[in-house]
C-alpha atoms as a PDB file:
ATOM      1  CA  MET A   1     -37.641  20.713  45.568  1.00  0.00           C
ATOM      2  CA  LEU A   2     -40.280  20.235  42.883  1.00  0.00           C
ATOM      3  CA  ARG A   3     -39.497  23.696  41.496  1.00  0.00           C
ATOM      4  CA  MET A   4     -35.785  22.820  41.299  1.00  0.00           C
ATOM      5  CA  LEU A   5     -36.617  19.613  39.421  1.00  0.00           C
ATOM      6  CA  ASN A   6     -38.790  21.548  36.972  1.00  0.00           C
ATOM      7  CA  VAL A   7     -35.974  24.053  36.358  1.00  0.00           C
ATOM      8  CA  PHE A   8     -33.505  21.194  35.810  1.00  0.00           C
ATOM      9  CA  ALA A   9     -35.881  19.518  33.338  1.00  0.00           C
ATOM     10  CA  TRP A  10     -36.308  22.806  31.459  1.00  0.00           C
ATOM     11  CA  LEU A  11     -32.529  23.402  31.264  1.00  0.00           C
ATOM     12  CA  LEU A  12     -32.029  19.825  30.064  1.00  0.00           C
ATOM     13  CA  PHE A  13     -34.688  20.353  27.388  1.00  0.00           C
ATOM     14  CA  LEU A  14     -33.008  23.588  26.248  1.00  0.00           C
ATOM     15  CA  PHE A  15     -29.588  21.917  26.156  1.00  0.00           C
ATOM     16  CA  GLN A  16     -30.850  18.962  24.125  1.00  0.00           C
ATOM     17  CA  GLY A  17     -32.683  21.351  21.817  1.00  0.00           C
ATOM     18  CA  SER A  18     -29.592  23.483  21.219  1.00  0.00           C
ATOM     19  CA  GLU A  19     -27.498  20.330  20.681  1.00  0.00           C
ATOM     20  CA  ALA A  20     -29.992  19.050  18.097  1.00  0.00           C
ATOM     21  CA  SER A  21     -30.060  22.454  16.424  1.00  0.00           C
ATOM     22  CA  ALA A  22     -26.235  22.507  16.218  1.00  0.00           C
ATOM     23  CA  SER A  23     -26.299  19.025  14.707  1.00  0.00           C
ATOM     24  CA  VAL A  24     -28.786  20.145  12.041  1.00  0.00           C
ATOM     25  CA  ARG A  25     -26.638  23.196  11.233  1.00  0.00           C
ATOM     26  CA  PHE A  26     -23.546  21.004  10.975  1.00  0.00           C
ATOM     27  CA  ALA A  27     -25.280  18.557   8.611  1.00  0.00           C
ATOM     28  CA  ARG A  28     -26.588  21.424   6.449  1.00  0.00           C
ATOM     29  CA  GLU A  29     -23.125  23.012   6.266  1.00  0.00           C
ATOM     30  CA  VAL A  30     -21.490  19.698   5.329  1.00  0.00           C
ATOM     31  CA  HIS A  31     -24.008  19.083   2.553  1.00  0.00           C
ATOM     32  CA  ASP A  32     -23.673  22.628   1.219  1.00  0.00           C
ATOM     33  CA  ILE A  33     -19.878  22.297   1.036  1.00  0.00           C
ATOM     34  CA  SER A  34     -20.168  18.829  -0.523  1.00  0.00           C
ATOM     35  CA  ASN A  35     -22.524  20.118  -3.231  1.00  0.00           C
ATOM     36  CA  SER A  36     -20.165  22.998  -3.935  1.00  0.00           C
ATOM     37  CA  CYS A  37     -17.225  20.605  -4.176  1.00  0.00           C
ATOM     38  CA  MET A  38     -19.002  18.382  -6.703  1.00  0.00           C
ATOM     39  CA  LYS A  39     -19.550  21.417  -8.960  1.00  0.00           C
ATOM     40  CA  GLN A  40     -15.792  22.010  -9.167  1.00  0.00           C
ATOM     41  CA  ASP A  41     -13.529  20.757 -11.921  1.00  0.00           C
ATOM     42  CA  ASP A  42     -11.148  17.963 -10.930  1.00  0.00           C
ATOM     43  CA  GLY A  43      -8.494  19.382  -8.650  1.00  0.00           C
ATOM     44  CA  ILE A  44      -7.662  20.466  -5.100  1.00  0.00           C
ATOM     45  CA  VAL A  45      -9.189  23.797  -4.087  1.00  0.00           C
ATOM     46  CA  LEU A  46     -10.020  25.750  -0.936  1.00  0.00           C
ATOM     47  CA  ILE A  47     -13.790  25.755  -0.894  1.00  0.00           C
ATOM     48  CA  ALA A  48     -14.805  27.156   2.515  1.00  0.00           C
ATOM     49  CA  ASP A  49     -13.327  28.074   5.880  1.00  0.00           C
ATOM     50  CA  GLN A  50     -10.786  25.354   6.775  1.00  0.00           C
ATOM     51  CA  SER A  51     -12.353  23.167   4.064  1.00  0.00           C
ATOM     52  CA  ILE A  52     -10.527  21.744   1.041  1.00  0.00           C
ATOM     53  CA  CYS A  53     -12.190  19.967  -1.890  1.00  0.00           C
ATOM     54  CA  VAL A  54     -10.281  17.029  -3.427  1.00  0.00           C
ATOM     55  CA  LYS A  55     -12.037  15.871  -6.573  1.00  0.00           C
ATOM     56  CA  GLY A  56     -10.962  13.420  -9.260  1.00  0.00           C
ATOM     57  CA  PRO A  57      -8.165  10.857  -9.712  1.00  0.00           C
ATOM     58  CA  LEU A  58      -5.149  11.608  -7.494  1.00  0.00           C
ATOM     59  CA  THR A  59      -1.795  12.173  -9.188  1.00  0.00           C
ATOM     60  CA  SER A  60       1.750  12.009  -7.851  1.00  0.00           C
ATOM     61  CA  VAL A  61       4.040  15.019  -8.011  1.00  0.00           C
ATOM     62  CA  ALA A  62       6.432  13.009 -10.202  1.00  0.00           C
ATOM     63  CA  SER A  63       3.706  12.512 -12.831  1.00  0.00           C
ATOM     64  CA  GLY A  64       3.757  16.206 -13.753  1.00  0.00           C
ATOM     65  CA  LYS A  65      -0.061  16.347 -13.555  1.00  0.00           C
ATOM     66  CA  LEU A  66      -0.283  18.630 -10.560  1.00  0.00           C
ATOM     67  CA  ALA A  67      -3.979  19.644 -10.288  1.00  0.00           C
ATOM     68  CA  THR A  68      -4.810  16.728  -7.981  1.00  0.00           C
ATOM     69  CA  SER A  69      -1.364  16.256  -6.440  1.00  0.00           C
ATOM     70  CA  ALA A  70       0.258  17.291  -3.166  1.00  0.00           C
ATOM     71  CA  ARG A  71       1.845  20.204  -5.056  1.00  0.00           C
ATOM     72  CA  ALA A  72      -1.624  21.767  -5.543  1.00  0.00           C
ATOM     73  CA  LEU A  73      -2.267  21.331  -1.816  1.00  0.00           C
ATOM     74  CA  GLU A  74       0.879  23.117  -0.611  1.00  0.00           C
ATOM     75  CA  PRO A  75      -0.213  26.776  -1.165  1.00  0.00           C
ATOM     76  CA  LEU A  76      -3.600  26.053   0.418  1.00  0.00           C
ATOM     77  CA  LEU A  77      -1.938  24.666   3.547  1.00  0.00           C
ATOM     78  CA  ILE A  78       0.375  27.678   3.737  1.00  0.00           C
ATOM     79  CA  GLN A  79      -2.657  29.954   3.512  1.00  0.00           C
ATOM     80  CA  LEU A  80      -4.636  28.061   6.171  1.00  0.00           C
ATOM     81  CA  ARG A  81      -1.716  27.715   8.564  1.00  0.00           C
ATOM     82  CA  SER A  82      -0.815  31.400   8.278  1.00  0.00           C
ATOM     83  CA  THR A  83      -4.135  32.268   9.935  1.00  0.00           C
ATOM     84  CA  PRO A  84      -4.662  29.456  12.460  1.00  0.00           C
ATOM     85  CA  SER A  85      -8.269  29.015  13.542  1.00  0.00           C
ATOM     86  CA  GLY A  86      -7.771  26.274  16.106  1.00  0.00           C
ATOM     87  CA  LYS A  87      -9.900  23.961  13.969  1.00  0.00           C
ATOM     88  CA  ARG A  88      -8.760  20.876  12.078  1.00  0.00           C
ATOM     89  CA  ILE A  89      -8.680  21.112   8.309  1.00  0.00           C
ATOM     90  CA  ARG A  90     -11.654  19.436   6.647  1.00  0.00           C
ATOM     91  CA  LEU A  91     -11.054  17.457   3.476  1.00  0.00           C
ATOM     92  CA  PHE A  92     -14.090  16.814   1.253  1.00  0.00           C
ATOM     93  CA  VAL A  93     -13.232  14.033  -1.194  1.00  0.00           C
ATOM     94  CA  SER A  94     -14.645  12.463  -4.317  1.00  0.00           C
ATOM     95  CA  SER A  95     -11.988  10.181  -5.761  1.00  0.00           C
ATOM     96  CA  VAL A  96     -11.795   6.639  -7.129  1.00  0.00           C
ATOM     97  CA  GLY A  97      -8.050   6.667  -6.414  1.00  0.00           C
ATOM     98  CA  GLY A  98      -5.175   7.230  -8.809  1.00  0.00           C
ATOM     99  CA  HIS A  99      -1.411   6.902  -8.438  1.00  0.00           C
ATOM    100  CA  SER A 100      -0.609   4.837  -5.362  1.00  0.00           C
ATOM    101  CA  GLU A 101       1.985   7.364  -4.200  1.00  0.00           C
ATOM    102  CA  ALA A 102      -0.385  10.315  -4.677  1.00  0.00           C
ATOM    103  CA  GLY A 103      -2.559   9.503  -1.666  1.00  0.00           C
ATOM    104  CA  LEU A 104       0.567   9.059   0.461  1.00  0.00           C
ATOM    105  CA  GLU A 105       1.983  12.425  -0.590  1.00  0.00           C
ATOM    106  CA  ILE A 106      -1.268  14.288   0.131  1.00  0.00           C
ATOM    107  CA  ALA A 107      -1.778  12.555   3.491  1.00  0.00           C
ATOM    108  CA  GLU A 108       1.823  13.238   4.508  1.00  0.00           C
ATOM    109  CA  ALA A 109       1.458  16.923   3.580  1.00  0.00           C
ATOM    110  CA  LEU A 110      -1.660  17.192   5.764  1.00  0.00           C
ATOM    111  CA  GLY A 111      -0.198  15.169   8.648  1.00  0.00           C
ATOM    112  CA  LYS A 112      -1.464  12.112  10.522  1.00  0.00           C
ATOM    113  CA  ASN A 113      -4.579  12.972  12.586  1.00  0.00           C
ATOM    114  CA  LYS A 114      -4.344  16.640  11.536  1.00  0.00           C
ATOM    115  CA  PHE A 115      -7.476  16.660   9.352  1.00  0.00           C
ATOM    116  CA  ASP A 116     -11.032  15.314   9.154  1.00  0.00           C
ATOM    117  CA  LEU A 117     -12.271  13.538   6.035  1.00  0.00           C
ATOM    118  CA  TYR A 118     -15.735  13.748   4.442  1.00  0.00           C
ATOM    119  CA  VAL A 119     -16.489  11.190   1.723  1.00  0.00           C
ATOM    120  CA  ILE A 120     -18.961  12.795  -0.673  1.00  0.00           C
ATOM    121  CA  ASP A 121     -19.608   9.884  -3.042  1.00  0.00           C
ATOM    122  CA  VAL A 122     -16.517   7.653  -3.192  1.00  0.00           C
ATOM    123  CA  CYS A 123     -13.073   7.330  -1.641  1.00  0.00           C
ATOM    124  CA  ALA A 124     -11.338   4.265  -3.050  1.00  0.00           C
ATOM    125  CA  SER A 125      -7.920   2.773  -3.690  1.00  0.00           C
ATOM    126  CA  THR A 126      -5.151   5.249  -2.703  1.00  0.00           C
ATOM    127  CA  CYS A 127      -7.792   7.644  -1.320  1.00  0.00           C
ATOM    128  CA  ALA A 128      -8.931   4.976   1.158  1.00  0.00           C
ATOM    129  CA  ASN A 129      -5.477   3.419   1.662  1.00  0.00           C
ATOM    130  CA  SER A 130      -3.872   6.721   2.666  1.00  0.00           C
ATOM    131  CA  LEU A 131      -6.262   9.655   3.186  1.00  0.00           C
ATOM    132  CA  PHE A 132      -9.003   7.759   5.012  1.00  0.00           C
ATOM    133  CA  LEU A 133      -6.555   5.988   7.321  1.00  0.00           C
ATOM    134  CA  ALA A 134      -4.597   9.182   8.104  1.00  0.00           C
ATOM    135  CA  ALA A 135      -7.646  11.326   8.962  1.00  0.00           C
ATOM    136  CA  LYS A 136      -8.612  11.970  12.577  1.00  0.00           C
ATOM    137  CA  ARG A 137     -12.371  11.756  12.037  1.00  0.00           C
ATOM    138  CA  LYS A 138     -14.082  10.242   9.032  1.00  0.00           C
ATOM    139  CA  TYR A 139     -17.616  10.964   7.823  1.00  0.00           C
ATOM    140  CA  ILE A 140     -19.257   8.949   5.048  1.00  0.00           C
ATOM    141  CA  LEU A 141     -22.180  10.875   3.570  1.00  0.00           C
ATOM    142  CA  ALA A 142     -25.432   9.250   2.431  1.00  0.00           C
ATOM    143  CA  GLY A 143     -24.947   7.188  -0.721  1.00  0.00           C
ATOM    144  CA  ALA A 144     -21.132   7.351  -0.511  1.00  0.00           C
ATOM    145  CA  GLU A 145     -18.769   4.373  -0.555  1.00  0.00           C
ATOM    146  CA  ILE A 146     -15.311   3.643   0.773  1.00  0.00           C
ATOM    147  CA  ALA A 147     -13.253   0.848  -0.802  1.00  0.00           C
ATOM    148  CA  TRP A 148      -9.825  -0.676  -0.234  1.00  0.00           C
ATOM    149  CA  HIS A 149      -7.560  -2.667  -2.501  1.00  0.00           C
ATOM    150  CA  GLY A 150      -3.949  -3.088  -3.508  1.00  0.00           C
ATOM    151  CA  GLY A 151      -1.023  -2.151  -1.371  1.00  0.00           C
ATOM    152  CA  VAL A 152       2.591  -2.833  -2.250  1.00  0.00           C
ATOM    153  CA  PHE A 153       4.072  -6.327  -2.240  1.00  0.00           C
ATOM    154  CA  PRO A 154       3.752  -7.621   1.334  1.00  0.00           C
ATOM    155  CA  ASN A 155       6.922  -9.742   1.159  1.00  0.00           C
ATOM    156  CA  TYR A 156       9.945 -10.404  -1.043  1.00  0.00           C
ATOM    157  CA  ALA A 157       8.641 -13.760  -2.292  1.00  0.00           C
ATOM    158  CA  ARG A 158       5.584 -12.078  -3.821  1.00  0.00           C
ATOM    159  CA  PHE A 159       7.738  -9.331  -5.339  1.00  0.00           C
ATOM    160  CA  ASP A 160      10.158 -11.904  -6.770  1.00  0.00           C
ATOM    161  CA  SER A 161       7.306 -13.875  -8.397  1.00  0.00           C
ATOM    162  CA  PHE A 162       5.976 -10.661  -9.931  1.00  0.00           C
ATOM    163  CA  TRP A 163       9.438  -9.686 -11.162  1.00  0.00           C
ATOM    164  CA  ARG A 164      10.101 -13.035 -12.837  1.00  0.00           C
ATOM    165  CA  ALA A 165       6.769 -12.797 -14.667  1.00  0.00           C
ATOM    166  CA  LEU A 166       7.596  -9.394 -16.167  1.00  0.00           C
ATOM    167  CA  PRO A 167       8.613  -9.206 -19.852  1.00  0.00           C
ATOM    168  CA  ALA A 168      12.380  -8.874 -20.336  1.00  0.00           C
ATOM    169  CA  ASP A 169      12.148  -5.269 -21.559  1.00  0.00           C
ATOM    170  CA  MET A 170      10.422  -4.242 -18.308  1.00  0.00           C
ATOM    171  CA  ARG A 171      13.235  -5.792 -16.276  1.00  0.00           C
ATOM    172  CA  LYS A 172      15.818  -3.833 -18.243  1.00  0.00           C
ATOM    173  CA  PRO A 173      17.824  -1.458 -15.971  1.00  0.00           C
ATOM    174  CA  ALA A 174      16.684   2.157 -16.087  1.00  0.00           C
ATOM    175  CA  ARG A 175      20.219   3.533 -15.669  1.00  0.00           C
ATOM    176  CA  GLU A 176      23.203   2.895 -17.902  1.00  0.00           C
ATOM    177  CA  GLY A 177      25.777   0.613 -16.281  1.00  0.00           C
ATOM    178  CA  GLN A 178      23.234  -0.813 -13.847  1.00  0.00           C
ATOM    179  CA  THR A 179      22.772  -4.584 -13.769  1.00  0.00           C
ATOM    180  CA  GLU A 180      19.359  -6.223 -13.725  1.00  0.00           C
ATOM    181  CA  ALA A 181      20.022  -7.466 -10.185  1.00  0.00           C
ATOM    182  CA  GLU A 182      20.823  -3.906  -9.049  1.00  0.00           C
ATOM    183  CA  TYR A 183      17.731  -2.553 -10.775  1.00  0.00           C
ATOM    184  CA  LYS A 184      15.584  -5.239  -9.164  1.00  0.00           C
ATOM    185  CA  GLN A 185      17.018  -4.396  -5.730  1.00  0.00           C
ATOM    186  CA  SER A 186      16.360  -0.676  -6.269  1.00  0.00           C
ATOM    187  CA  GLN A 187      12.715  -1.437  -7.052  1.00  0.00           C
ATOM    188  CA  TRP A 188      12.377  -3.633  -3.969  1.00  0.00           C
ATOM    189  CA  ASP A 189      13.933  -0.850  -1.843  1.00  0.00           C
ATOM    190  CA  ARG A 190      11.378   1.540  -3.301  1.00  0.00           C
ATOM    191  CA  PHE A 191       8.540  -0.790  -2.311  1.00  0.00           C
ATOM    192  CA  LEU A 192       9.960  -1.110   1.203  1.00  0.00           C
ATOM    193  CA  ASP A 193      10.038   2.680   1.569  1.00  0.00           C
ATOM    194  CA  PHE A 194       6.459   2.910   0.305  1.00  0.00           C
ATOM    195  CA  ARG A 195       5.402   0.267   2.833  1.00  0.00           C
ATOM    196  CA  ARG A 196       7.167   2.129   5.663  1.00  0.00           C
ATOM    197  CA  ARG A 197       5.332   5.352   4.779  1.00  0.00           C
ATOM    198  CA  GLN A 198       2.043   3.493   4.424  1.00  0.00           C
ATOM    199  CA  MET A 199       2.490   1.941   7.868  1.00  0.00           C
ATOM    200  CA  ALA A 200       3.224   5.377   9.383  1.00  0.00           C
ATOM    201  CA  LEU A 201      -0.147   6.617   8.125  1.00  0.00           C
ATOM    202  CA  ALA A 202      -2.039   3.472   9.138  1.00  0.00           C
ATOM    203  CA  GLY A 203      -0.506   3.545  12.625  1.00  0.00           C
ATOM    204  CA  SER A 204      -0.454  -0.214  13.137  1.00  0.00           C
ATOM    205  CA  ALA A 205      -0.163  -3.515  11.270  1.00  0.00           C
ATOM    206  CA  ARG A 206      -3.738  -4.256  12.337  1.00  0.00           C
ATOM    207  CA  THR A 207      -4.991  -1.164  10.520  1.00  0.00           C
ATOM    208  CA  GLU A 208      -2.715  -1.620   7.505  1.00  0.00           C
ATOM    209  CA  ALA A 209      -4.134  -5.129   7.018  1.00  0.00           C
ATOM    210  CA  ILE A 210      -7.412  -3.648   5.731  1.00  0.00           C
ATOM    211  CA  ILE A 211      -5.615  -2.834   2.460  1.00  0.00           C
ATOM    212  CA  TYR A 212      -4.335  -6.368   1.921  1.00  0.00           C
ATOM    213  CA  TYR A 213      -7.581  -8.027   3.018  1.00  0.00           C
ATOM    214  CA  TRP A 214      -9.023  -7.487  -0.464  1.00  0.00           C
ATOM    215  CA  GLU A 215      -7.397 -10.762  -1.584  1.00  0.00           C
ATOM    216  CA  ARG A 216      -9.238 -12.727   1.076  1.00  0.00           C
ATOM    217  CA  ALA A 217     -12.417 -10.762   0.337  1.00  0.00           C
ATOM    218  CA  ALA A 218     -12.092 -11.739  -3.334  1.00  0.00           C
ATOM    219  CA  ARG A 219     -11.827 -15.412  -2.398  1.00  0.00           C
ATOM    220  CA  CYS A 220     -14.880 -15.086  -0.150  1.00  0.00           C
ATOM    221  CA  ALA A 221     -16.828 -13.394  -2.971  1.00  0.00           C
ATOM    222  CA  GLY A 222     -16.535 -16.488  -5.168  1.00  0.00           C
ATOM    223  CA  PRO A 223     -14.442 -18.283  -7.808  1.00  0.00           C
ATOM    224  CA  ASP A 224     -15.015 -15.571 -10.438  1.00  0.00           C
ATOM    225  CA  PHE A 225     -12.597 -13.249  -8.656  1.00  0.00           C
ATOM    226  CA  ARG A 226      -9.428 -15.336  -8.364  1.00  0.00           C
ATOM    227  CA  VAL A 227      -7.631 -13.072 -10.828  1.00  0.00           C
ATOM    228  CA  LEU A 228      -7.342  -9.680  -9.162  1.00  0.00           C
ATOM    229  CA  HIS A 229      -7.441  -6.375 -11.052  1.00  0.00           C
ATOM    230  CA  PRO A 230      -7.741  -2.684 -10.021  1.00  0.00           C
ATOM    231  CA  GLY A 231     -11.523  -2.624 -10.478  1.00  0.00           C
ATOM    232  CA  LEU A 232     -12.000  -5.030  -7.560  1.00  0.00           C
ATOM    233  CA  ALA A 233     -12.158  -3.774  -3.985  1.00  0.00           C
ATOM    234  CA  TRP A 234     -13.826  -4.368  -0.624  1.00  0.00           C
ATOM    235  CA  ARG A 235     -14.856  -2.726   2.612  1.00  0.00           C
ATOM    236  CA  PRO A 236     -15.746  -4.110   6.045  1.00  0.00           C
ATOM    237  CA  ALA A 237     -18.933  -3.413   7.979  1.00  0.00           C
ATOM    238  CA  LEU A 238     -18.984  -0.168   9.962  1.00  0.00           C
ATOM    239  CA  ASN A 239     -18.532  -1.893  13.325  1.00  0.00           C
ATOM    240  CA  GLU A 240     -15.661  -3.990  11.908  1.00  0.00           C
ATOM    241  CA  LEU A 241     -13.642  -0.877  11.048  1.00  0.00           C
ATOM    242  CA  SER A 242     -12.994  -0.313  14.741  1.00  0.00           C
ATOM    243  CA  GLY A 243     -13.475  -3.871  16.014  1.00  0.00           C
ATOM    244  CA  LYS A 244     -11.248  -5.664  13.491  1.00  0.00           C
ATOM    245  CA  PHE A 245      -8.955  -2.951  12.146  1.00  0.00           C
ATOM    246  CA  ALA A 246      -8.694  -0.387  14.967  1.00  0.00           C
ATOM    247  CA  ILE A 247      -9.936   2.448  12.717  1.00  0.00           C
ATOM    248  CA  LYS A 248     -11.607   4.888  15.091  1.00  0.00           C
ATOM    249  CA  HIS A 249     -13.933   7.886  14.731  1.00  0.00           C
ATOM    250  CA  VAL A 250     -15.889   6.740  11.677  1.00  0.00           C
ATOM    251  CA  LYS A 251     -19.489   7.864  11.179  1.00  0.00           C
ATOM    252  CA  ALA A 252     -21.800   7.027   8.293  1.00  0.00           C
ATOM    253  CA  GLU A 253     -24.801   9.218   7.592  1.00  0.00           C
ATOM    254  CA  ARG A 254     -26.728   6.050   6.693  1.00  0.00           C
ATOM    255  CA  ALA A 255     -25.252   3.458   9.035  1.00  0.00           C
ATOM    256  CA  GLU A 256     -27.727   0.861   7.756  1.00  0.00           C
ATOM    257  CA  ASP A 257     -25.849   0.813   4.432  1.00  0.00           C
ATOM    258  CA  PHE A 258     -22.754  -0.513   6.220  1.00  0.00           C
ATOM    259  CA  GLU A 259     -24.176  -3.388   8.243  1.00  0.00           C
ATOM    260  CA  SER A 260     -22.122  -6.045   6.437  1.00  0.00           C
ATOM    261  CA  ALA A 261     -18.774  -6.341   4.695  1.00  0.00           C
ATOM    262  CA  VAL A 262     -19.006  -6.217   0.896  1.00  0.00           C
ATOM    263  CA  PHE A 263     -16.916  -6.926  -2.179  1.00  0.00           C
ATOM    264  CA  PHE A 264     -17.093  -4.650  -5.216  1.00  0.00           C
ATOM    265  CA  PRO A 265     -16.767  -6.557  -8.504  1.00  0.00           C
ATOM    266  CA  GLY A 266     -16.917  -3.465 -10.708  1.00  0.00           C
ATOM    267  CA  TYR A 267     -15.396  -0.153  -9.675  1.00  0.00           C
ATOM    268  CA  TYR A 268     -17.084   0.468  -6.331  1.00  0.00           C
ATOM    269  CA  LYS A 269     -20.727   0.437  -7.383  1.00  0.00           C
ATOM    270  CA  SER A 270     -22.929  -0.208  -4.354  1.00  0.00           C
ATOM    271  CA  ALA A 271     -25.686  -1.759  -6.457  1.00  0.00           C
ATOM    272  CA  GLU A 272     -23.327  -4.555  -7.551  1.00  0.00           C
ATOM    273  CA  ALA A 273     -21.746  -5.169  -4.132  1.00  0.00           C
ATOM    274  CA  ILE A 274     -21.558  -8.767  -2.911  1.00  0.00           C
ATOM    275  CA  SER A 275     -22.155  -9.353   0.816  1.00  0.00           C
ATOM    276  CA  LEU A 276     -19.383 -11.289   2.530  1.00  0.00           C
ATOM    277  CA  GLU A 277     -19.753 -13.870   5.275  1.00  0.00           C
ATOM    278  CA  PRO A 278     -17.845 -12.933   8.461  1.00  0.00           C
ATOM    279  CA  LYS A 279     -16.865 -16.587   8.973  1.00  0.00           C
ATOM    280  CA  CYS A 280     -15.102 -16.649   5.612  1.00  0.00           C
ATOM    281  CA  LEU A 281     -13.405 -13.282   6.179  1.00  0.00           C
ATOM    282  CA  TYR A 282     -12.405 -13.635   9.788  1.00  0.00           C
ATOM    283  CA  GLY A 283     -12.745 -17.338  10.579  1.00  0.00           C
ATOM    284  CA  THR A 284      -9.019 -18.012  10.344  1.00  0.00           C
ATOM    285  CA  PRO A 285      -6.070 -15.803  11.359  1.00  0.00           C
ATOM    286  CA  PHE A 286      -4.863 -13.375   8.710  1.00  0.00           C
ATOM    287  CA  ALA A 287      -1.343 -12.125   8.119  1.00  0.00           C
ATOM    288  CA  VAL A 288      -0.252  -9.730   5.410  1.00  0.00           C
ATOM    289  CA  GLY A 289       0.923 -11.747   2.430  1.00  0.00           C
ATOM    290  CA  GLN A 290      -1.408 -14.741   2.901  1.00  0.00           C
END
């Protein structure tokens, strides 16, 4: 009996040792690919087996700037899917965002839960709103940040207020023979379609709310941030991603850096982040559009 116990203990030791060794190899591989990605020019390139590097501001196909758009991704996906490996595609990202539709287009091309995401240094704005939420597993490397903001108008009242505040030349119909009311309706329909696609990637209203929470986060950060602009963003604590927003399978290499929710007052710089009180953020019910 004692001999059997000793054998079991030895096998357990070997198993734990091999598991630790595999973990070290995985971490080394991830860091090697990340370093290689950061040496690339801005763009979307195949960088290793089943691994794609996405670096720089994301652009929509309609913009004509295709290096960091879904159009640049298409031939890589054809190549990877022509020789299936049974492994999920790995996306290594370094992006502060870009065109709001760009993240949607790239995430839709990859497919919901069909890829894993590795944040090398930053994934913000449309990168976080679309790519991070659509990924199956998400890894945030040491020193990296994830930040949400924006989203389309959550309701017609907010869109209408925005529309009325636009200069007259910006409300001018884009097509000859179109009335301003028709043009306004076409823009609202476009926002509704964007919201539908965004919800499909998020998977639930609870998850989608993380995008719109930046307004409440700004209020919690203090009176200096009542006027919102694209440089402002926020992120919850690591445990709140799953607990509050149902975002599963998130790991941070330095979990201690994500112990509290923070607000970024200046383009996602961790050193300037303002810690947010949970009571202010979550003390009262939240609905999109509040």
